[in-house]
Amino acid sequence: MLIGFMRREDTAKVILFEGLEYMIMENGFESMFKFLTTLKDYALLHKSTVIIPIEKEILTQKEFTLLKREFPVLKEVFGE
């Protein structure tokens, strides 16, 4: 569905992908990481942006580092 949305028309689009923590819990980190990298590749091809809010605390340091390496960080917010 997301890829179809990106393919429609030749205009830039923004996708806000919320609930990654739940998706990781249900599908595992590796599966979701592969999905997100595929989604990112389609976004690059179709002039789209994918924003993925994430709670750092639910990931291992290795998982968080992999995500940061693959996806640019817009802003890291830590407890107030």
Protein backbone atom coordinates (compact mmCIF):
# COMPACT_ATOMS: atom_id res chain seq x y z
CA MET A 1 0.00 0.00 0.00
CA LEU A 2 2.81 2.43 0.88
CA ILE A 3 4.72 1.66 -2.30
CA GLY A 4 1.57 2.14 -4.36
CA PHE A 5 1.04 5.50 -2.69
CA MET A 6 4.59 6.58 -3.55
CA ARG A 7 4.19 5.48 -7.17
CA ARG A 8 1.03 7.57 -7.70
CA GLU A 9 1.76 10.76 -9.59
CA ASP A 10 5.18 12.30 -9.82
CA THR A 11 5.04 14.53 -6.77
CA ALA A 12 6.98 14.43 -3.53
CA LYS A 13 5.22 12.67 -0.67
CA VAL A 14 5.78 12.28 3.06
CA ILE A 15 4.97 9.09 4.98
CA LEU A 16 4.83 9.12 8.78
CA PHE A 17 5.38 5.51 9.88
CA GLU A 18 4.22 5.30 13.49
CA GLY A 19 4.11 2.21 15.66
CA LEU A 20 7.48 0.75 14.75
CA GLU A 21 7.91 -0.53 18.30
CA TYR A 22 4.76 -2.64 17.98
CA MET A 23 5.76 -3.90 14.53
CA ILE A 24 9.17 -4.95 15.87
CA MET A 25 7.52 -6.74 18.77
CA GLU A 26 5.22 -8.67 16.41
CA ASN A 27 7.63 -9.32 13.53
CA GLY A 28 11.14 -9.04 14.95
CA PHE A 29 13.76 -6.40 14.35
CA GLU A 30 15.42 -8.05 11.34
CA SER A 31 12.17 -8.35 9.38
CA MET A 32 11.22 -4.77 10.10
CA PHE A 33 14.71 -3.51 9.27
CA LYS A 34 14.53 -5.21 5.86
CA PHE A 35 11.06 -3.76 5.29
CA LEU A 36 12.21 -0.25 6.23
CA THR A 37 15.28 -0.37 3.99
CA THR A 38 13.09 -1.48 1.08
CA LEU A 39 10.64 1.31 1.88
CA LYS A 40 13.54 3.79 1.97
CA ASP A 41 14.76 2.60 -1.45
CA TYR A 42 11.30 3.14 -2.97
CA ALA A 43 11.10 6.55 -1.29
CA LEU A 44 14.37 7.59 -2.91
CA LEU A 45 13.12 6.46 -6.32
CA HIS A 46 9.80 8.26 -5.99
CA LYS A 47 10.85 11.58 -4.42
CA SER A 48 9.29 10.67 -1.09
CA THR A 49 10.28 11.04 2.54
CA VAL A 50 9.65 8.45 5.26
CA ILE A 51 9.62 9.68 8.87
CA ILE A 52 9.90 6.99 11.55
CA PRO A 53 9.55 8.08 15.18
CA ILE A 54 11.16 5.53 17.49
CA GLU A 55 11.64 5.04 21.21
CA LYS A 56 15.36 4.32 21.56
CA GLU A 57 14.81 2.41 24.81
CA ILE A 58 13.02 -0.50 23.11
CA LEU A 59 16.03 -1.29 20.91
CA THR A 60 19.39 -2.77 21.68
CA GLN A 61 22.37 -0.49 21.06
CA LYS A 62 23.24 -2.56 17.96
CA GLU A 63 19.72 -2.20 16.53
CA PHE A 64 19.63 1.54 17.20
CA THR A 65 23.05 1.96 15.58
CA LEU A 66 21.89 0.05 12.47
CA LEU A 67 18.84 2.28 12.13
CA LYS A 68 20.91 5.43 12.58
CA ARG A 69 23.40 4.24 9.96
CA GLU A 70 20.66 3.56 7.41
CA PHE A 71 18.34 6.49 8.18
CA PRO A 72 19.33 10.09 8.92
CA VAL A 73 18.25 11.31 12.34
CA LEU A 74 16.06 14.40 12.28
CA LYS A 75 16.24 15.02 16.00
CA GLU A 76 17.03 12.96 19.05
CA VAL A 77 14.89 13.86 22.02
CA PHE A 78 15.74 12.55 25.45
CA GLY A 79 13.75 12.73 28.68
CA GLU A 80 12.89 16.19 29.90
